[in-house]
Amino acid sequence: MTRTIEAMNMRDLKLNRISVAAVPAALEKARQYRGLQEPEQAESICLDILDADAAHLGAKRMLILALTDQFGRSGQLLDPKRALRIVDQLPEEYERLYFRGLICERRGRAMLNESMSRSFTWEYFREAMQWYEKAQPFRPEHNDDAILRWNSCLRTLQRERLAPRADRDEAHPDMES
């Protein structure tokens, strides 16, 4: 006799596993949800993929992006440490450096619209640019993403007229290095 969801206790509910064969289609769905501005859905799909194939690099990359997509969303708490733990699992030095930069940059961009946090944005962009600079020597041939991101950060600093806080000359204490 099967029990209906309504009759079950929440602790009795278990996640359903996807098959390894379904991973490519699931990853494409995660990409689509990111494009639809639904990063929570993309995150959930990436977690399902990683449950089926814990070493799947595409799902790890997509999960980092989905998590950082959520930084600027209303009511979302920034959780860069979760994304950084995934970055540390990436095998290539370039990607580890590049994604660290991306996390800092997205933290800064999320703070641009928050008046109380705006004073910290320069520090996040500065750290992002440092990571992108470190990534450049390791970049694959024909991949200038780190340069493009560095340039974007600089243009944002200039456009927004961001500068270091007067009371602080070093990085924000909770920033990961």
N, C-alpha and C. Protein backbone atom coordinates (compact mmCIF):
# COMPACT_ATOMS: atom_id res chain seq x y z
N MET A 1 0.84 -1.18 0.00
CA MET A 1 0.00 0.00 0.00
C MET A 1 0.88 1.24 0.00
N THR A 2 0.71 2.13 -0.97
CA THR A 2 1.50 3.35 -1.04
C THR A 2 0.83 4.46 -0.24
N ARG A 3 1.64 5.25 0.35
CA ARG A 3 1.14 6.38 1.12
C ARG A 3 1.19 7.62 0.24
N THR A 4 0.22 8.46 0.37
CA THR A 4 0.23 9.70 -0.40
C THR A 4 1.17 10.68 0.28
N ILE A 5 1.62 11.65 -0.48
CA ILE A 5 2.53 12.67 0.08
C ILE A 5 1.86 13.39 1.24
N GLU A 6 0.57 13.64 1.13
CA GLU A 6 -0.13 14.35 2.20
C GLU A 6 -0.10 13.57 3.52
N ALA A 7 -0.09 12.24 3.42
CA ALA A 7 -0.12 11.42 4.63
C ALA A 7 1.28 11.18 5.20
N MET A 8 2.31 11.55 4.45
CA MET A 8 3.67 11.30 4.91
C MET A 8 4.19 12.46 5.76
N ASN A 9 5.06 12.13 6.63
CA ASN A 9 5.76 13.12 7.43
C ASN A 9 6.89 13.68 6.57
N MET A 10 7.23 14.94 6.70
CA MET A 10 8.29 15.55 5.88
C MET A 10 9.61 14.78 6.00
N ARG A 11 9.93 14.28 7.16
CA ARG A 11 11.21 13.56 7.32
C ARG A 11 11.20 12.21 6.61
N ASP A 12 10.03 11.72 6.23
CA ASP A 12 9.93 10.47 5.50
C ASP A 12 10.14 10.65 4.00
N LEU A 13 10.05 11.89 3.53
CA LEU A 13 10.21 12.15 2.10
C LEU A 13 11.69 12.09 1.72
N LYS A 14 11.97 11.48 0.62
CA LYS A 14 13.33 11.33 0.12
C LYS A 14 13.43 11.87 -1.29
N LEU A 15 14.58 12.42 -1.63
CA LEU A 15 14.81 12.89 -2.99
C LEU A 15 14.86 11.69 -3.93
N ASN A 16 14.36 11.88 -5.14
CA ASN A 16 14.44 10.86 -6.17
C ASN A 16 15.75 11.06 -6.93
N ARG A 17 16.39 9.98 -7.30
CA ARG A 17 17.66 10.04 -8.03
C ARG A 17 17.39 9.98 -9.53
N ILE A 18 18.17 10.75 -10.27
CA ILE A 18 18.10 10.66 -11.72
C ILE A 18 19.13 9.63 -12.18
N SER A 19 18.94 9.12 -13.37
CA SER A 19 19.90 8.15 -13.90
C SER A 19 21.09 8.88 -14.51
N VAL A 20 22.21 8.22 -14.57
CA VAL A 20 23.41 8.79 -15.19
C VAL A 20 23.13 9.11 -16.66
N ALA A 21 22.31 8.30 -17.30
CA ALA A 21 21.98 8.53 -18.70
C ALA A 21 21.20 9.83 -18.90
N ALA A 22 20.51 10.31 -17.87
CA ALA A 22 19.71 11.53 -17.97
C ALA A 22 20.53 12.80 -17.70
N VAL A 23 21.79 12.64 -17.31
CA VAL A 23 22.62 13.79 -16.93
C VAL A 23 22.76 14.83 -18.04
N PRO A 24 23.09 14.47 -19.28
CA PRO A 24 23.25 15.51 -20.31
C PRO A 24 21.99 16.37 -20.49
N ALA A 25 20.83 15.73 -20.53
CA ALA A 25 19.58 16.49 -20.69
C ALA A 25 19.31 17.34 -19.46
N ALA A 26 19.62 16.82 -18.29
CA ALA A 26 19.41 17.58 -17.06
C ALA A 26 20.32 18.81 -17.04
N LEU A 27 21.56 18.67 -17.47
CA LEU A 27 22.48 19.81 -17.51
C LEU A 27 21.97 20.88 -18.46
N GLU A 28 21.41 20.47 -19.58
CA GLU A 28 20.83 21.43 -20.52
C GLU A 28 19.64 22.15 -19.88
N LYS A 29 18.84 21.43 -19.10
CA LYS A 29 17.72 22.06 -18.40
C LYS A 29 18.23 23.09 -17.38
N ALA A 30 19.30 22.76 -16.68
CA ALA A 30 19.89 23.71 -15.73
C ALA A 30 20.33 24.98 -16.46
N ARG A 31 20.95 24.80 -17.62
CA ARG A 31 21.38 25.95 -18.43
C ARG A 31 20.17 26.80 -18.82
N GLN A 32 19.09 26.15 -19.20
CA GLN A 32 17.87 26.87 -19.59
C GLN A 32 17.28 27.63 -18.40
N TYR A 33 17.25 27.02 -17.23
CA TYR A 33 16.71 27.71 -16.05
C TYR A 33 17.56 28.92 -15.67
N ARG A 34 18.88 28.82 -15.83
CA ARG A 34 19.72 29.99 -15.59
C ARG A 34 19.32 31.09 -16.56
N GLY A 35 19.12 30.73 -17.82
CA GLY A 35 18.72 31.72 -18.83
C GLY A 35 17.37 32.34 -18.56
N LEU A 36 16.52 31.60 -17.87
CA LEU A 36 15.19 32.11 -17.51
C LEU A 36 15.20 32.86 -16.18
N GLN A 37 16.38 33.11 -15.64
CA GLN A 37 16.53 33.81 -14.36
C GLN A 37 15.90 33.03 -13.20
N GLU A 38 16.03 31.71 -13.24
CA GLU A 38 15.55 30.84 -12.18
C GLU A 38 16.71 30.00 -11.64
N PRO A 39 17.68 30.67 -10.99
CA PRO A 39 18.87 29.96 -10.54
C PRO A 39 18.61 28.91 -9.47
N GLU A 40 17.54 29.06 -8.71
CA GLU A 40 17.23 28.04 -7.69
C GLU A 40 16.90 26.71 -8.35
N GLN A 41 16.19 26.77 -9.49
CA GLN A 41 15.87 25.56 -10.24
C GLN A 41 17.15 24.95 -10.82
N ALA A 42 18.01 25.79 -11.37
CA ALA A 42 19.28 25.31 -11.92
C ALA A 42 20.13 24.68 -10.81
N GLU A 43 20.16 25.29 -9.65
CA GLU A 43 20.90 24.74 -8.51
C GLU A 43 20.38 23.34 -8.16
N SER A 44 19.07 23.21 -8.06
CA SER A 44 18.47 21.92 -7.70
C SER A 44 18.83 20.84 -8.71
N ILE A 45 18.77 21.18 -9.99
CA ILE A 45 19.10 20.21 -11.04
C ILE A 45 20.57 19.82 -10.94
N CYS A 46 21.45 20.79 -10.71
CA CYS A 46 22.88 20.48 -10.58
C CYS A 46 23.13 19.56 -9.39
N LEU A 47 22.42 19.77 -8.30
CA LEU A 47 22.57 18.88 -7.14
C LEU A 47 22.11 17.46 -7.48
N ASP A 48 21.04 17.35 -8.28
CA ASP A 48 20.58 16.03 -8.72
C ASP A 48 21.63 15.36 -9.61
N ILE A 49 22.22 16.14 -10.51
CA ILE A 49 23.26 15.59 -11.38
C ILE A 49 24.44 15.11 -10.55
N LEU A 50 24.88 15.92 -9.60
CA LEU A 50 26.02 15.54 -8.77
C LEU A 50 25.71 14.37 -7.86
N ASP A 51 24.44 14.17 -7.54
CA ASP A 51 24.05 12.99 -6.78
C ASP A 51 24.20 11.74 -7.64
N ALA A 52 23.93 11.89 -8.95
CA ALA A 52 24.07 10.76 -9.87
C ALA A 52 25.52 10.55 -10.30
N ASP A 53 26.26 11.65 -10.43
CA ASP A 53 27.66 11.59 -10.89
C ASP A 53 28.45 12.68 -10.16
N ALA A 54 29.00 12.33 -9.02
CA ALA A 54 29.65 13.30 -8.13
C ALA A 54 30.84 14.01 -8.76
N ALA A 55 31.41 13.46 -9.80
CA ALA A 55 32.59 14.06 -10.42
C ALA A 55 32.26 14.91 -11.65
N HIS A 56 31.01 15.11 -11.96
CA HIS A 56 30.62 15.79 -13.20
C HIS A 56 31.04 17.26 -13.16
N LEU A 57 32.05 17.60 -13.96
CA LEU A 57 32.60 18.97 -13.96
C LEU A 57 31.61 20.00 -14.48
N GLY A 58 30.85 19.64 -15.50
CA GLY A 58 29.88 20.58 -16.04
C GLY A 58 28.84 20.97 -15.00
N ALA A 59 28.41 20.02 -14.21
CA ALA A 59 27.43 20.30 -13.16
C ALA A 59 28.05 21.16 -12.06
N LYS A 60 29.32 20.92 -11.75
CA LYS A 60 29.99 21.75 -10.73
C LYS A 60 30.11 23.19 -11.21
N ARG A 61 30.52 23.37 -12.46
CA ARG A 61 30.63 24.72 -13.01
C ARG A 61 29.27 25.42 -13.00
N MET A 62 28.26 24.70 -13.47
CA MET A 62 26.91 25.27 -13.54
C MET A 62 26.39 25.58 -12.14
N LEU A 63 26.69 24.74 -11.16
CA LEU A 63 26.25 24.99 -9.79
C LEU A 63 26.89 26.25 -9.23
N ILE A 64 28.16 26.46 -9.49
CA ILE A 64 28.82 27.70 -9.05
C ILE A 64 28.11 28.90 -9.64
N LEU A 65 27.80 28.83 -10.93
CA LEU A 65 27.11 29.94 -11.58
C LEU A 65 25.71 30.15 -11.01
N ALA A 66 24.98 29.06 -10.80
CA ALA A 66 23.62 29.17 -10.24
C ALA A 66 23.65 29.75 -8.84
N LEU A 67 24.62 29.34 -8.04
CA LEU A 67 24.73 29.89 -6.67
C LEU A 67 25.04 31.38 -6.71
N THR A 68 25.98 31.77 -7.58
CA THR A 68 26.34 33.18 -7.64
C THR A 68 25.26 34.02 -8.32
N ASP A 69 24.45 33.40 -9.16
CA ASP A 69 23.30 34.11 -9.74
C ASP A 69 22.35 34.58 -8.64
N GLN A 70 22.34 33.86 -7.54
CA GLN A 70 21.41 34.16 -6.46
C GLN A 70 21.91 35.26 -5.52
N PHE A 71 23.16 35.68 -5.65
CA PHE A 71 23.70 36.70 -4.76
C PHE A 71 22.88 37.98 -4.77
N GLY A 72 22.44 38.41 -5.91
CA GLY A 72 21.73 39.69 -6.01
C GLY A 72 20.23 39.61 -5.85
N ARG A 73 19.72 38.42 -5.59
CA ARG A 73 18.27 38.27 -5.52
C ARG A 73 17.76 38.72 -4.16
N SER A 74 16.65 39.40 -4.19
CA SER A 74 16.04 39.94 -2.97
C SER A 74 15.78 38.84 -1.95
N GLY A 75 16.22 39.07 -0.75
CA GLY A 75 15.98 38.13 0.34
C GLY A 75 16.96 36.99 0.41
N GLN A 76 17.87 36.87 -0.55
CA GLN A 76 18.84 35.78 -0.54
C GLN A 76 20.06 36.19 0.27
N LEU A 77 20.49 35.31 1.13
CA LEU A 77 21.73 35.54 1.86
C LEU A 77 22.91 35.14 0.99
N LEU A 78 23.94 35.95 1.01
CA LEU A 78 25.14 35.60 0.27
C LEU A 78 25.80 34.41 0.95
N ASP A 79 26.12 33.39 0.18
CA ASP A 79 26.81 32.23 0.74
C ASP A 79 28.00 31.88 -0.15
N PRO A 80 28.99 32.77 -0.19
CA PRO A 80 30.12 32.51 -1.08
C PRO A 80 30.94 31.30 -0.66
N LYS A 81 30.95 30.95 0.60
CA LYS A 81 31.75 29.81 1.05
C LYS A 81 31.27 28.51 0.43
N ARG A 82 29.98 28.39 0.22
CA ARG A 82 29.43 27.19 -0.42
C ARG A 82 29.94 27.09 -1.85
N ALA A 83 29.92 28.20 -2.58
CA ALA A 83 30.43 28.21 -3.95
C ALA A 83 31.94 27.97 -3.96
N LEU A 84 32.65 28.53 -3.01
CA LEU A 84 34.10 28.35 -2.95
C LEU A 84 34.49 26.89 -2.69
N ARG A 85 33.69 26.18 -1.91
CA ARG A 85 33.97 24.76 -1.67
C ARG A 85 33.89 23.97 -2.99
N ILE A 86 32.98 24.35 -3.85
CA ILE A 86 32.85 23.68 -5.14
C ILE A 86 34.02 24.09 -6.05
N VAL A 87 34.39 25.36 -6.01
CA VAL A 87 35.53 25.83 -6.80
C VAL A 87 36.78 25.02 -6.46
N ASP A 88 36.97 24.73 -5.19
CA ASP A 88 38.15 23.97 -4.76
C ASP A 88 38.18 22.56 -5.33
N GLN A 89 37.04 22.06 -5.80
CA GLN A 89 36.96 20.72 -6.38
C GLN A 89 37.31 20.68 -7.87
N LEU A 90 37.44 21.85 -8.48
CA LEU A 90 37.75 21.89 -9.91
C LEU A 90 39.21 21.51 -10.13
N PRO A 91 39.48 20.69 -11.13
CA PRO A 91 40.85 20.18 -11.30
C PRO A 91 41.84 21.16 -11.93
N GLU A 92 41.36 22.13 -12.70
CA GLU A 92 42.25 23.04 -13.42
C GLU A 92 42.51 24.31 -12.61
N GLU A 93 43.78 24.69 -12.53
CA GLU A 93 44.18 25.91 -11.82
C GLU A 93 43.48 27.14 -12.39
N TYR A 94 43.40 27.22 -13.72
CA TYR A 94 42.73 28.35 -14.35
C TYR A 94 41.30 28.51 -13.83
N GLU A 95 40.55 27.43 -13.82
CA GLU A 95 39.15 27.51 -13.39
C GLU A 95 39.04 27.88 -11.91
N ARG A 96 39.91 27.33 -11.09
CA ARG A 96 39.86 27.67 -9.66
C ARG A 96 40.10 29.17 -9.46
N LEU A 97 41.05 29.73 -10.16
CA LEU A 97 41.34 31.16 -10.04
C LEU A 97 40.22 31.99 -10.66
N TYR A 98 39.79 31.61 -11.85
CA TYR A 98 38.74 32.35 -12.56
C TYR A 98 37.44 32.38 -11.76
N PHE A 99 37.00 31.23 -11.26
CA PHE A 99 35.74 31.19 -10.52
C PHE A 99 35.84 31.91 -9.17
N ARG A 100 37.00 31.93 -8.55
CA ARG A 100 37.17 32.74 -7.34
C ARG A 100 36.95 34.21 -7.68
N GLY A 101 37.49 34.64 -8.81
CA GLY A 101 37.26 36.00 -9.25
C GLY A 101 35.79 36.27 -9.52
N LEU A 102 35.15 35.32 -10.16
CA LEU A 102 33.73 35.48 -10.48
C LEU A 102 32.88 35.61 -9.21
N ILE A 103 33.20 34.83 -8.20
CA ILE A 103 32.46 34.90 -6.94
C ILE A 103 32.61 36.29 -6.32
N CYS A 104 33.83 36.81 -6.29
CA CYS A 104 34.05 38.15 -5.74
C CYS A 104 33.32 39.21 -6.56
N GLU A 105 33.43 39.09 -7.88
CA GLU A 105 32.78 40.06 -8.75
C GLU A 105 31.27 40.06 -8.53
N ARG A 106 30.69 38.89 -8.47
CA ARG A 106 29.23 38.82 -8.30
C ARG A 106 28.79 39.30 -6.92
N ARG A 107 29.63 39.11 -5.93
CA ARG A 107 29.33 39.68 -4.61
C ARG A 107 29.30 41.20 -4.72
N GLY A 108 30.29 41.75 -5.40
CA GLY A 108 30.34 43.20 -5.59
C GLY A 108 29.14 43.71 -6.36
N ARG A 109 28.79 43.02 -7.43
CA ARG A 109 27.64 43.46 -8.24
C ARG A 109 26.34 43.37 -7.43
N ALA A 110 26.22 42.37 -6.59
CA ALA A 110 25.02 42.24 -5.76
C ALA A 110 24.92 43.40 -4.78
N MET A 111 26.05 43.90 -4.35
CA MET A 111 26.06 44.98 -3.35
C MET A 111 25.89 46.36 -3.96
N LEU A 112 26.03 46.48 -5.26
CA LEU A 112 25.90 47.79 -5.90
C LEU A 112 24.55 48.45 -5.61
N ASN A 113 23.50 47.66 -5.49
CA ASN A 113 22.16 48.21 -5.29
C ASN A 113 21.76 48.33 -3.82
N GLU A 114 22.67 47.98 -2.93
CA GLU A 114 22.37 48.05 -1.51
C GLU A 114 23.18 49.20 -0.90
N SER A 115 22.51 50.26 -0.52
CA SER A 115 23.22 51.46 -0.09
C SER A 115 24.15 51.20 1.09
N MET A 116 23.75 50.36 2.03
CA MET A 116 24.61 50.10 3.19
C MET A 116 25.84 49.29 2.81
N SER A 117 25.74 48.47 1.80
CA SER A 117 26.84 47.60 1.40
C SER A 117 27.70 48.21 0.30
N ARG A 118 27.21 49.24 -0.33
CA ARG A 118 27.90 49.82 -1.48
C ARG A 118 29.35 50.21 -1.17
N SER A 119 29.61 50.61 0.06
CA SER A 119 30.97 51.04 0.40
C SER A 119 31.97 49.89 0.33
N PHE A 120 31.50 48.65 0.34
CA PHE A 120 32.40 47.50 0.27
C PHE A 120 32.62 47.01 -1.16
N THR A 121 31.85 47.52 -2.11
CA THR A 121 31.90 46.96 -3.45
C THR A 121 33.26 47.10 -4.10
N TRP A 122 33.94 48.23 -3.90
CA TRP A 122 35.26 48.42 -4.50
C TRP A 122 36.19 47.28 -4.09
N GLU A 123 36.15 46.89 -2.84
CA GLU A 123 37.02 45.83 -2.34
C GLU A 123 36.74 44.50 -3.02
N TYR A 124 35.48 44.20 -3.25
CA TYR A 124 35.14 42.94 -3.92
C TYR A 124 35.58 42.96 -5.38
N PHE A 125 35.38 44.09 -6.06
CA PHE A 125 35.84 44.19 -7.44
C PHE A 125 37.36 44.13 -7.51
N ARG A 126 38.04 44.77 -6.58
CA ARG A 126 39.50 44.73 -6.57
C ARG A 126 39.99 43.29 -6.40
N GLU A 127 39.38 42.56 -5.47
CA GLU A 127 39.79 41.17 -5.26
C GLU A 127 39.48 40.32 -6.49
N ALA A 128 38.32 40.55 -7.11
CA ALA A 128 37.97 39.82 -8.34
C ALA A 128 39.03 40.05 -9.40
N MET A 129 39.44 41.29 -9.57
CA MET A 129 40.43 41.63 -10.58
C MET A 129 41.77 40.95 -10.28
N GLN A 130 42.10 40.83 -9.02
CA GLN A 130 43.34 40.15 -8.64
C GLN A 130 43.27 38.66 -9.03
N TRP A 131 42.12 38.02 -8.78
CA TRP A 131 41.96 36.61 -9.16
C TRP A 131 42.03 36.46 -10.67
N TYR A 132 41.36 37.36 -11.41
CA TYR A 132 41.38 37.28 -12.87
C TYR A 132 42.81 37.45 -13.40
N GLU A 133 43.56 38.35 -12.78
CA GLU A 133 44.95 38.55 -13.17
C GLU A 133 45.78 37.28 -12.94
N LYS A 134 45.56 36.64 -11.80
CA LYS A 134 46.28 35.39 -11.50
C LYS A 134 45.88 34.27 -12.47
N ALA A 135 44.64 34.30 -12.95
CA ALA A 135 44.15 33.25 -13.85
C ALA A 135 44.72 33.39 -15.26
N GLN A 136 45.01 34.61 -15.69
CA GLN A 136 45.39 34.85 -17.08
C GLN A 136 46.56 33.99 -17.57
N PRO A 137 47.63 33.81 -16.83
CA PRO A 137 48.72 32.98 -17.36
C PRO A 137 48.34 31.50 -17.55
N PHE A 138 47.28 31.06 -16.90
CA PHE A 138 46.86 29.65 -16.97
C PHE A 138 45.73 29.43 -17.99
N ARG A 139 45.27 30.49 -18.61
CA ARG A 139 44.10 30.37 -19.49
C ARG A 139 44.39 29.48 -20.69
N PRO A 140 43.38 28.72 -21.09
CA PRO A 140 43.53 27.90 -22.28
C PRO A 140 43.66 28.80 -23.52
N GLU A 141 44.24 28.27 -24.56
CA GLU A 141 44.39 29.02 -25.80
C GLU A 141 43.02 29.46 -26.31
N HIS A 142 42.94 30.65 -26.79
CA HIS A 142 41.71 31.25 -27.34
C HIS A 142 40.64 31.47 -26.26
N ASN A 143 41.03 31.55 -25.01
CA ASN A 143 40.07 31.80 -23.93
C ASN A 143 40.53 33.05 -23.17
N ASP A 144 39.89 34.15 -23.46
CA ASP A 144 40.23 35.41 -22.81
C ASP A 144 39.16 35.83 -21.80
N ASP A 145 38.42 34.87 -21.26
CA ASP A 145 37.35 35.19 -20.31
C ASP A 145 37.86 35.98 -19.11
N ALA A 146 39.01 35.61 -18.58
CA ALA A 146 39.54 36.32 -17.41
C ALA A 146 39.85 37.78 -17.77
N ILE A 147 40.33 38.01 -18.97
CA ILE A 147 40.60 39.39 -19.42
C ILE A 147 39.29 40.15 -19.58
N LEU A 148 38.31 39.51 -20.21
CA LEU A 148 37.01 40.16 -20.40
C LEU A 148 36.38 40.54 -19.05
N ARG A 149 36.47 39.64 -18.06
CA ARG A 149 35.89 39.91 -16.74
C ARG A 149 36.66 41.03 -16.05
N TRP A 150 38.00 41.01 -16.15
CA TRP A 150 38.82 42.05 -15.55
C TRP A 150 38.41 43.41 -16.12
N ASN A 151 38.29 43.49 -17.44
CA ASN A 151 37.89 44.74 -18.09
C ASN A 151 36.51 45.18 -17.64
N SER A 152 35.59 44.23 -17.51
CA SER A 152 34.24 44.56 -17.06
C SER A 152 34.25 45.13 -15.64
N CYS A 153 35.07 44.54 -14.78
CA CYS A 153 35.19 45.06 -13.40
C CYS A 153 35.71 46.48 -13.42
N LEU A 154 36.75 46.73 -14.20
CA LEU A 154 37.32 48.08 -14.27
C LEU A 154 36.29 49.08 -14.78
N ARG A 155 35.56 48.70 -15.82
CA ARG A 155 34.54 49.61 -16.35
C ARG A 155 33.46 49.89 -15.31
N THR A 156 33.09 48.87 -14.53
CA THR A 156 32.10 49.08 -13.47
C THR A 156 32.63 50.03 -12.41
N LEU A 157 33.88 49.83 -12.00
CA LEU A 157 34.48 50.74 -11.02
C LEU A 157 34.46 52.17 -11.52
N GLN A 158 34.79 52.35 -12.79
CA GLN A 158 34.80 53.70 -13.38
C GLN A 158 33.39 54.27 -13.51
N ARG A 159 32.48 53.49 -14.05
CA ARG A 159 31.11 53.97 -14.27
C ARG A 159 30.41 54.32 -12.96
N GLU A 160 30.61 53.48 -11.96
CA GLU A 160 29.95 53.69 -10.66
C GLU A 160 30.74 54.63 -9.76
N ARG A 161 31.90 55.06 -10.23
CA ARG A 161 32.78 55.94 -9.45
C ARG A 161 33.10 55.35 -8.08
N LEU A 162 33.44 54.07 -8.09
CA LEU A 162 33.75 53.39 -6.84
C LEU A 162 35.21 53.64 -6.47
N ALA A 163 35.45 53.69 -5.19
CA ALA A 163 36.80 53.93 -4.67
C ALA A 163 36.92 53.20 -3.34
N PRO A 164 38.16 53.00 -2.89
CA PRO A 164 38.34 52.36 -1.58
C PRO A 164 37.69 53.20 -0.49
N ARG A 165 37.23 52.52 0.54
CA ARG A 165 36.67 53.24 1.68
C ARG A 165 37.77 54.05 2.34
N ALA A 166 37.43 55.21 2.80
CA ALA A 166 38.41 56.09 3.44
C ALA A 166 38.97 55.49 4.73
N ASP A 167 38.14 54.73 5.45
CA ASP A 167 38.56 54.17 6.74
C ASP A 167 39.25 52.82 6.59
N ARG A 168 39.43 52.37 5.35
CA ARG A 168 39.94 51.02 5.15
C ARG A 168 40.78 50.95 3.89
N ASP A 169 41.95 50.38 4.00
CA ASP A 169 42.79 50.25 2.82
C ASP A 169 43.05 48.79 2.46
N GLU A 170 42.62 47.86 3.32
CA GLU A 170 42.84 46.45 3.00
C GLU A 170 41.53 45.76 2.68
N ALA A 171 41.61 44.51 2.29
CA ALA A 171 40.41 43.75 1.89
C ALA A 171 39.46 43.57 3.06
N HIS A 172 38.22 43.37 2.72
CA HIS A 172 37.17 43.13 3.72
C HIS A 172 37.50 41.87 4.48
N PRO A 173 37.34 41.85 5.82
CA PRO A 173 37.79 40.71 6.62
C PRO A 173 37.10 39.39 6.31
N ASP A 174 35.88 39.37 5.80
CA ASP A 174 35.23 38.09 5.54
C ASP A 174 35.46 37.58 4.12
N MET A 175 36.29 38.30 3.37
CA MET A 175 36.57 37.88 2.00
C MET A 175 37.48 36.68 1.99
N GLU A 176 37.21 35.74 1.11
CA GLU A 176 38.05 34.55 0.97
C GLU A 176 39.21 34.89 0.05
N SER A 177 40.37 34.41 0.37
CA SER A 177 41.52 34.61 -0.52
C SER A 177 42.04 33.30 -1.01
